[in-house]
Amino acid sequence: MAHTGVKRPRLLLILLFLTFVQGLFFLVFAAQYVRSAQLFLTTVESLSELSAATPGSLLTLWLSLISWLVLGIASLIVTVAMNGGRSWGWTGALLVEGTILVLMLQAYFTGRANMLFDSAMALAVGITFLLNQRDVRVFFHAHRHEHLENQGLTPIDSVEH
């Protein structure tokens, strides 16, 4: 791979660390939801009336579990991609952060947010801020053009293919 001449910004190291921590954070969230789901199912089995457990609460629990798993894994994937200088890693990181912010704001406005949600939102805001720093954007933009040139394409050609 040809060298772009654009130095790896120091902010990228901080960004990689934060996205890695965020991925672990959401995987811990998922583990917590698994534990909650097991406790919930044990409680339902011990009740003589199944009407105490609503299907909506179980569905919400499983959707939350899937969301945290997907966000945790996606955060780790974009961390690896950004470490490799892949421009799609930067784009994916913005998409992950946007999704996290939407979910956290929804939880906040519906009254279901707690300190963990607040800290996840603060982390997402910080990562989004770092992703939009000029040095970071220039680094990934240069690597995108380098990748296209290695394939013999210009940015305009890549849109046509």
N, C-alpha and C. Protein backbone atom coordinates (compact mmCIF):
# COMPACT_ATOMS: atom_id res chain seq x y z
N MET A 1 0.84 -1.17 0.00
CA MET A 1 0.00 0.00 0.00
C MET A 1 0.89 1.24 0.00
N ALA A 2 0.63 2.18 -0.86
CA ALA A 2 1.42 3.40 -0.95
C ALA A 2 1.16 4.27 0.27
N HIS A 3 2.17 5.02 0.64
CA HIS A 3 2.04 5.89 1.80
C HIS A 3 1.38 7.19 1.37
N THR A 4 0.35 7.62 2.07
CA THR A 4 -0.40 8.81 1.68
C THR A 4 0.29 10.10 2.05
N GLY A 5 1.23 10.06 2.96
CA GLY A 5 1.86 11.28 3.42
C GLY A 5 1.08 11.95 4.55
N VAL A 6 -0.08 11.44 4.87
CA VAL A 6 -0.88 11.97 5.97
C VAL A 6 -0.54 11.16 7.21
N LYS A 7 -0.02 11.87 8.20
CA LYS A 7 0.37 11.19 9.43
C LYS A 7 -0.87 10.77 10.23
N ARG A 8 -0.72 9.67 10.93
CA ARG A 8 -1.79 9.17 11.80
C ARG A 8 -1.96 10.17 12.96
N PRO A 9 -3.13 10.78 13.09
CA PRO A 9 -3.31 11.77 14.15
C PRO A 9 -3.30 11.12 15.55
N ARG A 10 -2.79 11.87 16.51
CA ARG A 10 -2.77 11.36 17.89
C ARG A 10 -4.17 11.16 18.43
N LEU A 11 -5.11 11.97 17.98
CA LEU A 11 -6.49 11.80 18.42
C LEU A 11 -7.06 10.44 18.05
N LEU A 12 -6.50 9.85 16.99
CA LEU A 12 -6.99 8.54 16.55
C LEU A 12 -6.76 7.48 17.61
N LEU A 13 -5.65 7.56 18.32
CA LEU A 13 -5.38 6.60 19.39
C LEU A 13 -6.43 6.71 20.50
N ILE A 14 -6.77 7.92 20.86
CA ILE A 14 -7.81 8.15 21.87
C ILE A 14 -9.15 7.64 21.34
N LEU A 15 -9.43 7.93 20.08
CA LEU A 15 -10.68 7.48 19.46
C LEU A 15 -10.78 5.96 19.44
N LEU A 16 -9.70 5.30 19.08
CA LEU A 16 -9.69 3.84 19.06
C LEU A 16 -9.92 3.27 20.45
N PHE A 17 -9.28 3.86 21.45
CA PHE A 17 -9.47 3.40 22.83
C PHE A 17 -10.92 3.57 23.26
N LEU A 18 -11.50 4.74 22.96
CA LEU A 18 -12.89 4.99 23.38
C LEU A 18 -13.89 4.08 22.67
N THR A 19 -13.69 3.83 21.37
CA THR A 19 -14.62 2.93 20.68
C THR A 19 -14.47 1.50 21.16
N PHE A 20 -13.25 1.10 21.51
CA PHE A 20 -13.04 -0.23 22.07
C PHE A 20 -13.74 -0.35 23.43
N VAL A 21 -13.57 0.65 24.28
CA VAL A 21 -14.23 0.66 25.59
C VAL A 21 -15.74 0.65 25.41
N GLN A 22 -16.22 1.41 24.43
CA GLN A 22 -17.66 1.45 24.18
C GLN A 22 -18.18 0.07 23.76
N GLY A 23 -17.43 -0.63 22.90
CA GLY A 23 -17.84 -1.97 22.50
C GLY A 23 -17.93 -2.90 23.69
N LEU A 24 -16.93 -2.85 24.57
CA LEU A 24 -16.96 -3.67 25.79
C LEU A 24 -18.12 -3.27 26.70
N PHE A 25 -18.37 -1.97 26.77
CA PHE A 25 -19.45 -1.43 27.60
C PHE A 25 -20.80 -2.02 27.17
N PHE A 26 -21.04 -2.05 25.86
CA PHE A 26 -22.31 -2.58 25.37
C PHE A 26 -22.39 -4.10 25.49
N LEU A 27 -21.27 -4.78 25.39
CA LEU A 27 -21.30 -6.22 25.62
C LEU A 27 -21.59 -6.53 27.09
N VAL A 28 -21.10 -5.69 27.99
CA VAL A 28 -21.44 -5.85 29.42
C VAL A 28 -22.93 -5.56 29.62
N PHE A 29 -23.45 -4.54 28.94
CA PHE A 29 -24.89 -4.27 28.97
C PHE A 29 -25.67 -5.52 28.55
N ALA A 30 -25.22 -6.15 27.47
CA ALA A 30 -25.89 -7.34 26.96
C ALA A 30 -25.85 -8.45 27.99
N ALA A 31 -24.71 -8.63 28.64
CA ALA A 31 -24.60 -9.67 29.68
C ALA A 31 -25.54 -9.37 30.83
N GLN A 32 -25.67 -8.10 31.17
CA GLN A 32 -26.60 -7.71 32.24
C GLN A 32 -28.04 -8.02 31.84
N TYR A 33 -28.37 -7.79 30.58
CA TYR A 33 -29.73 -8.10 30.12
C TYR A 33 -29.98 -9.60 30.10
N VAL A 34 -28.97 -10.39 29.77
CA VAL A 34 -29.12 -11.86 29.82
C VAL A 34 -29.44 -12.28 31.25
N ARG A 35 -28.70 -11.73 32.19
CA ARG A 35 -28.95 -12.05 33.60
C ARG A 35 -30.35 -11.62 34.02
N SER A 36 -30.77 -10.44 33.56
CA SER A 36 -32.12 -9.95 33.86
C SER A 36 -33.18 -10.85 33.23
N ALA A 37 -32.92 -11.31 32.01
CA ALA A 37 -33.87 -12.19 31.33
C ALA A 37 -33.99 -13.51 32.06
N GLN A 38 -32.87 -14.05 32.54
CA GLN A 38 -32.92 -15.31 33.29
C GLN A 38 -33.70 -15.13 34.58
N LEU A 39 -33.48 -14.02 35.27
CA LEU A 39 -34.21 -13.73 36.51
C LEU A 39 -35.70 -13.56 36.22
N PHE A 40 -36.01 -12.85 35.12
CA PHE A 40 -37.40 -12.63 34.73
C PHE A 40 -38.10 -13.96 34.44
N LEU A 41 -37.43 -14.81 33.67
CA LEU A 41 -38.05 -16.10 33.31
C LEU A 41 -38.21 -16.99 34.54
N THR A 42 -37.25 -16.96 35.46
CA THR A 42 -37.36 -17.73 36.69
C THR A 42 -38.55 -17.25 37.52
N THR A 43 -38.73 -15.94 37.56
CA THR A 43 -39.86 -15.37 38.30
C THR A 43 -41.19 -15.76 37.67
N VAL A 44 -41.25 -15.74 36.34
CA VAL A 44 -42.48 -16.10 35.63
C VAL A 44 -42.83 -17.57 35.91
N GLU A 45 -41.82 -18.44 35.88
CA GLU A 45 -42.06 -19.86 36.11
C GLU A 45 -42.56 -20.12 37.54
N SER A 46 -42.11 -19.31 38.48
CA SER A 46 -42.50 -19.53 39.87
C SER A 46 -43.89 -18.98 40.18
N LEU A 47 -44.40 -18.12 39.33
CA LEU A 47 -45.74 -17.57 39.56
C LEU A 47 -46.80 -18.57 39.14
N SER A 48 -47.87 -18.62 39.91
CA SER A 48 -48.96 -19.52 39.53
C SER A 48 -49.78 -18.92 38.39
N GLU A 49 -49.80 -17.58 38.31
CA GLU A 49 -50.53 -16.92 37.22
C GLU A 49 -49.53 -16.38 36.21
N LEU A 50 -49.65 -16.80 35.00
CA LEU A 50 -48.78 -16.29 33.95
C LEU A 50 -49.22 -14.92 33.46
N SER A 51 -50.39 -14.48 33.89
CA SER A 51 -50.89 -13.18 33.45
C SER A 51 -50.05 -12.04 34.03
N ALA A 52 -49.24 -12.30 35.05
CA ALA A 52 -48.39 -11.26 35.64
C ALA A 52 -47.26 -10.87 34.70
N ALA A 53 -46.88 -11.76 33.80
CA ALA A 53 -45.82 -11.46 32.84
C ALA A 53 -46.45 -11.09 31.51
N THR A 54 -46.18 -9.90 31.05
CA THR A 54 -46.75 -9.47 29.78
C THR A 54 -45.79 -9.83 28.65
N PRO A 55 -46.34 -10.21 27.50
CA PRO A 55 -45.47 -10.52 26.36
C PRO A 55 -44.62 -9.31 25.94
N GLY A 56 -45.16 -8.12 26.13
CA GLY A 56 -44.43 -6.90 25.76
C GLY A 56 -43.17 -6.71 26.57
N SER A 57 -43.23 -7.05 27.86
CA SER A 57 -42.04 -6.87 28.69
C SER A 57 -40.95 -7.86 28.31
N LEU A 58 -41.32 -9.07 27.96
CA LEU A 58 -40.34 -10.05 27.52
C LEU A 58 -39.74 -9.66 26.16
N LEU A 59 -40.59 -9.18 25.26
CA LEU A 59 -40.12 -8.72 23.95
C LEU A 59 -39.15 -7.55 24.09
N THR A 60 -39.49 -6.61 24.96
CA THR A 60 -38.61 -5.46 25.20
C THR A 60 -37.27 -5.91 25.73
N LEU A 61 -37.29 -6.88 26.64
CA LEU A 61 -36.06 -7.40 27.21
C LEU A 61 -35.16 -8.02 26.14
N TRP A 62 -35.75 -8.83 25.26
CA TRP A 62 -34.97 -9.48 24.21
C TRP A 62 -34.51 -8.50 23.14
N LEU A 63 -35.33 -7.51 22.80
CA LEU A 63 -34.91 -6.49 21.83
C LEU A 63 -33.75 -5.66 22.39
N SER A 64 -33.80 -5.38 23.68
CA SER A 64 -32.70 -4.65 24.31
C SER A 64 -31.43 -5.47 24.27
N LEU A 65 -31.55 -6.75 24.57
CA LEU A 65 -30.39 -7.65 24.53
C LEU A 65 -29.76 -7.67 23.14
N ILE A 66 -30.58 -7.83 22.13
CA ILE A 66 -30.08 -7.87 20.75
C ILE A 66 -29.44 -6.54 20.38
N SER A 67 -30.07 -5.43 20.78
CA SER A 67 -29.51 -4.10 20.48
C SER A 67 -28.14 -3.93 21.09
N TRP A 68 -27.98 -4.30 22.36
CA TRP A 68 -26.69 -4.12 23.03
C TRP A 68 -25.62 -5.02 22.41
N LEU A 69 -26.01 -6.24 22.05
CA LEU A 69 -25.05 -7.14 21.39
C LEU A 69 -24.59 -6.58 20.05
N VAL A 70 -25.54 -6.14 19.24
CA VAL A 70 -25.20 -5.61 17.92
C VAL A 70 -24.34 -4.35 18.04
N LEU A 71 -24.70 -3.46 18.96
CA LEU A 71 -23.93 -2.23 19.12
C LEU A 71 -22.53 -2.52 19.66
N GLY A 72 -22.40 -3.48 20.57
CA GLY A 72 -21.10 -3.84 21.10
C GLY A 72 -20.20 -4.44 20.04
N ILE A 73 -20.74 -5.37 19.27
CA ILE A 73 -19.95 -6.01 18.21
C ILE A 73 -19.62 -5.01 17.12
N ALA A 74 -20.59 -4.15 16.74
CA ALA A 74 -20.33 -3.14 15.71
C ALA A 74 -19.25 -2.16 16.16
N SER A 75 -19.27 -1.77 17.42
CA SER A 75 -18.24 -0.86 17.93
C SER A 75 -16.85 -1.49 17.83
N LEU A 76 -16.76 -2.77 18.15
CA LEU A 76 -15.46 -3.45 18.07
C LEU A 76 -15.00 -3.60 16.61
N ILE A 77 -15.94 -3.87 15.71
CA ILE A 77 -15.60 -4.01 14.29
C ILE A 77 -15.09 -2.69 13.73
N VAL A 78 -15.79 -1.58 14.03
CA VAL A 78 -15.33 -0.29 13.48
C VAL A 78 -14.02 0.14 14.13
N THR A 79 -13.76 -0.30 15.37
CA THR A 79 -12.48 0.00 16.00
C THR A 79 -11.35 -0.65 15.22
N VAL A 80 -11.52 -1.91 14.86
CA VAL A 80 -10.50 -2.63 14.09
C VAL A 80 -10.35 -1.99 12.71
N ALA A 81 -11.46 -1.63 12.08
CA ALA A 81 -11.41 -1.02 10.75
C ALA A 81 -10.71 0.34 10.79
N MET A 82 -11.03 1.15 11.79
CA MET A 82 -10.37 2.45 11.89
C MET A 82 -8.89 2.30 12.20
N ASN A 83 -8.53 1.30 12.98
CA ASN A 83 -7.12 1.06 13.27
C ASN A 83 -6.35 0.73 11.99
N GLY A 84 -7.02 0.07 11.06
CA GLY A 84 -6.41 -0.25 9.77
C GLY A 84 -6.48 0.88 8.76
N GLY A 85 -7.04 2.02 9.16
CA GLY A 85 -7.14 3.17 8.26
C GLY A 85 -8.23 3.06 7.22
N ARG A 86 -9.18 2.18 7.44
CA ARG A 86 -10.28 1.98 6.48
C ARG A 86 -11.29 3.13 6.60
N SER A 87 -11.60 3.76 5.49
CA SER A 87 -12.55 4.88 5.53
C SER A 87 -13.96 4.40 5.89
N TRP A 88 -14.29 3.16 5.53
CA TRP A 88 -15.61 2.65 5.90
C TRP A 88 -15.72 2.47 7.41
N GLY A 89 -14.60 2.31 8.09
CA GLY A 89 -14.62 2.23 9.55
C GLY A 89 -15.06 3.54 10.17
N TRP A 90 -14.59 4.65 9.58
CA TRP A 90 -15.00 5.97 10.05
C TRP A 90 -16.49 6.18 9.82
N THR A 91 -16.95 5.83 8.62
CA THR A 91 -18.37 5.96 8.30
C THR A 91 -19.21 5.06 9.21
N GLY A 92 -18.76 3.83 9.40
CA GLY A 92 -19.47 2.91 10.29
C GLY A 92 -19.51 3.41 11.71
N ALA A 93 -18.42 4.01 12.16
CA ALA A 93 -18.39 4.55 13.52
C ALA A 93 -19.42 5.66 13.68
N LEU A 94 -19.54 6.52 12.67
CA LEU A 94 -20.56 7.57 12.75
C LEU A 94 -21.97 6.98 12.79
N LEU A 95 -22.20 5.93 12.01
CA LEU A 95 -23.51 5.28 12.02
C LEU A 95 -23.80 4.63 13.38
N VAL A 96 -22.81 3.97 13.95
CA VAL A 96 -22.98 3.35 15.27
C VAL A 96 -23.27 4.41 16.32
N GLU A 97 -22.50 5.50 16.29
CA GLU A 97 -22.71 6.57 17.27
C GLU A 97 -24.08 7.21 17.12
N GLY A 98 -24.50 7.42 15.88
CA GLY A 98 -25.84 7.98 15.65
C GLY A 98 -26.93 7.07 16.19
N THR A 99 -26.77 5.78 15.96
CA THR A 99 -27.75 4.81 16.48
C THR A 99 -27.78 4.83 18.00
N ILE A 100 -26.61 4.86 18.61
CA ILE A 100 -26.54 4.89 20.07
C ILE A 100 -27.21 6.15 20.60
N LEU A 101 -26.92 7.29 19.98
CA LEU A 101 -27.51 8.54 20.46
C LEU A 101 -29.03 8.53 20.32
N VAL A 102 -29.54 8.00 19.22
CA VAL A 102 -31.01 7.92 19.06
C VAL A 102 -31.62 7.01 20.13
N LEU A 103 -31.01 5.84 20.37
CA LEU A 103 -31.55 4.92 21.38
C LEU A 103 -31.47 5.52 22.79
N MET A 104 -30.38 6.20 23.08
CA MET A 104 -30.23 6.79 24.41
C MET A 104 -31.20 7.95 24.62
N LEU A 105 -31.39 8.76 23.58
CA LEU A 105 -32.36 9.86 23.69
C LEU A 105 -33.78 9.32 23.85
N GLN A 106 -34.08 8.25 23.14
CA GLN A 106 -35.41 7.64 23.27
C GLN A 106 -35.61 7.13 24.69
N ALA A 107 -34.59 6.50 25.26
CA ALA A 107 -34.69 6.01 26.64
C ALA A 107 -34.81 7.17 27.61
N TYR A 108 -34.11 8.24 27.36
CA TYR A 108 -34.18 9.42 28.23
C TYR A 108 -35.58 10.03 28.23
N PHE A 109 -36.15 10.21 27.02
CA PHE A 109 -37.45 10.86 26.94
C PHE A 109 -38.60 9.96 27.36
N THR A 110 -38.39 8.66 27.40
CA THR A 110 -39.44 7.77 27.90
C THR A 110 -39.25 7.44 29.37
N GLY A 111 -38.23 8.00 29.99
CA GLY A 111 -38.01 7.82 31.43
C GLY A 111 -37.37 6.49 31.79
N ARG A 112 -36.76 5.80 30.85
CA ARG A 112 -36.14 4.51 31.15
C ARG A 112 -34.62 4.59 31.28
N ALA A 113 -34.07 5.80 31.18
CA ALA A 113 -32.62 5.95 31.25
C ALA A 113 -32.16 5.95 32.71
N ASN A 114 -30.96 5.45 32.92
CA ASN A 114 -30.34 5.49 34.24
C ASN A 114 -28.91 6.00 34.05
N MET A 115 -28.08 5.86 35.09
CA MET A 115 -26.70 6.36 35.01
C MET A 115 -25.90 5.66 33.91
N LEU A 116 -26.15 4.38 33.67
CA LEU A 116 -25.44 3.67 32.61
C LEU A 116 -25.79 4.24 31.24
N PHE A 117 -27.06 4.55 31.05
CA PHE A 117 -27.49 5.14 29.79
C PHE A 117 -26.87 6.52 29.62
N ASP A 118 -26.85 7.29 30.70
CA ASP A 118 -26.25 8.63 30.63
C ASP A 118 -24.77 8.56 30.30
N SER A 119 -24.07 7.61 30.90
CA SER A 119 -22.64 7.48 30.61
C SER A 119 -22.42 6.99 29.18
N ALA A 120 -23.28 6.10 28.69
CA ALA A 120 -23.18 5.64 27.30
C ALA A 120 -23.41 6.79 26.33
N MET A 121 -24.37 7.66 26.66
CA MET A 121 -24.64 8.81 25.81
C MET A 121 -23.47 9.79 25.83
N ALA A 122 -22.89 10.02 27.00
CA ALA A 122 -21.74 10.92 27.10
C ALA A 122 -20.56 10.37 26.30
N LEU A 123 -20.34 9.08 26.37
CA LEU A 123 -19.26 8.45 25.61
C LEU A 123 -19.51 8.58 24.11
N ALA A 124 -20.75 8.38 23.68
CA ALA A 124 -21.10 8.51 22.26
C ALA A 124 -20.90 9.94 21.77
N VAL A 125 -21.25 10.92 22.60
CA VAL A 125 -21.05 12.32 22.22
C VAL A 125 -19.55 12.61 22.07
N GLY A 126 -18.75 12.11 23.01
CA GLY A 126 -17.30 12.31 22.94
C GLY A 126 -16.69 11.67 21.71
N ILE A 127 -17.11 10.45 21.39
CA ILE A 127 -16.59 9.76 20.21
C ILE A 127 -17.00 10.49 18.94
N THR A 128 -18.24 10.95 18.88
CA THR A 128 -18.72 11.70 17.70
C THR A 128 -17.90 12.98 17.52
N PHE A 129 -17.63 13.65 18.63
CA PHE A 129 -16.81 14.86 18.57
C PHE A 129 -15.42 14.54 18.00
N LEU A 130 -14.80 13.47 18.48
CA LEU A 130 -13.47 13.10 17.98
C LEU A 130 -13.51 12.67 16.51
N LEU A 131 -14.56 11.95 16.11
CA LEU A 131 -14.68 11.52 14.71
C LEU A 131 -14.75 12.71 13.76
N ASN A 132 -15.28 13.82 14.24
CA ASN A 132 -15.46 14.98 13.38
C ASN A 132 -14.32 15.99 13.47
N GLN A 133 -13.25 15.64 14.16
CA GLN A 133 -12.08 16.52 14.19
C GLN A 133 -11.41 16.50 12.81
N ARG A 134 -10.93 17.64 12.41
CA ARG A 134 -10.34 17.80 11.07
C ARG A 134 -9.22 16.80 10.81
N ASP A 135 -8.30 16.61 11.75
CA ASP A 135 -7.18 15.70 11.55
C ASP A 135 -7.66 14.27 11.28
N VAL A 136 -8.69 13.86 12.00
CA VAL A 136 -9.21 12.50 11.85
C VAL A 136 -9.90 12.35 10.49
N ARG A 137 -10.70 13.34 10.11
CA ARG A 137 -11.39 13.29 8.82
C ARG A 137 -10.39 13.29 7.66
N VAL A 138 -9.35 14.12 7.74
CA VAL A 138 -8.34 14.17 6.69
C VAL A 138 -7.62 12.83 6.57
N PHE A 139 -7.30 12.22 7.70
CA PHE A 139 -6.62 10.92 7.70
C PHE A 139 -7.44 9.87 6.95
N PHE A 140 -8.73 9.75 7.27
CA PHE A 140 -9.55 8.73 6.62
C PHE A 140 -9.87 9.08 5.17
N HIS A 141 -9.98 10.37 4.87
CA HIS A 141 -10.21 10.80 3.48
C HIS A 141 -9.00 10.44 2.62
N ALA A 142 -7.80 10.68 3.13
CA ALA A 142 -6.57 10.34 2.39
C ALA A 142 -6.47 8.84 2.17
N HIS A 143 -6.84 8.05 3.16
CA HIS A 143 -6.77 6.59 3.00
C HIS A 143 -7.83 6.08 2.03
N ARG A 144 -8.94 6.76 1.94
CA ARG A 144 -9.96 6.37 0.97
C ARG A 144 -9.43 6.57 -0.44
N HIS A 145 -8.82 7.73 -0.68
CA HIS A 145 -8.28 8.01 -2.01
C HIS A 145 -7.13 7.06 -2.34
N GLU A 146 -6.32 6.72 -1.35
CA GLU A 146 -5.22 5.77 -1.57
C GLU A 146 -5.77 4.41 -1.98
N HIS A 147 -6.83 3.97 -1.32
CA HIS A 147 -7.44 2.68 -1.65
C HIS A 147 -7.99 2.69 -3.08
N LEU A 148 -8.63 3.77 -3.46
CA LEU A 148 -9.18 3.87 -4.81
C LEU A 148 -8.08 3.90 -5.87
N GLU A 149 -6.98 4.62 -5.58
CA GLU A 149 -5.87 4.69 -6.53
C GLU A 149 -5.22 3.33 -6.71
N ASN A 150 -5.14 2.54 -5.64
CA ASN A 150 -4.58 1.19 -5.74
C ASN A 150 -5.42 0.29 -6.63
N GLN A 151 -6.71 0.60 -6.73
CA GLN A 151 -7.59 -0.16 -7.60
C GLN A 151 -7.66 0.44 -9.00
N GLY A 152 -6.94 1.53 -9.21
CA GLY A 152 -6.94 2.17 -10.52
C GLY A 152 -8.17 3.01 -10.76
N LEU A 153 -8.82 3.47 -9.73
CA LEU A 153 -10.03 4.27 -9.83
C LEU A 153 -9.79 5.67 -9.29
N THR A 154 -10.61 6.60 -9.77
CA THR A 154 -10.65 7.92 -9.16
C THR A 154 -11.94 7.96 -8.33
N PRO A 155 -12.10 8.94 -7.45
CA PRO A 155 -13.35 9.00 -6.67
C PRO A 155 -14.60 9.04 -7.55
N ILE A 156 -14.54 9.68 -8.71
CA ILE A 156 -15.70 9.72 -9.62
C ILE A 156 -15.97 8.33 -10.21
N ASP A 157 -14.89 7.60 -10.59
CA ASP A 157 -15.05 6.26 -11.16
C ASP A 157 -15.69 5.30 -10.16
N SER A 158 -15.37 5.46 -8.88
CA SER A 158 -15.88 4.53 -7.88
C SER A 158 -17.39 4.65 -7.74
N VAL A 159 -17.95 5.81 -8.02
CA VAL A 159 -19.40 6.00 -7.96
C VAL A 159 -20.06 5.29 -9.13
N GLU A 160 -19.40 5.29 -10.29
CA GLU A 160 -19.98 4.68 -11.48
C GLU A 160 -19.95 3.16 -11.44
N HIS A 161 -19.06 2.56 -10.67
CA HIS A 161 -18.94 1.10 -10.63
C HIS A 161 -19.82 0.57 -9.60
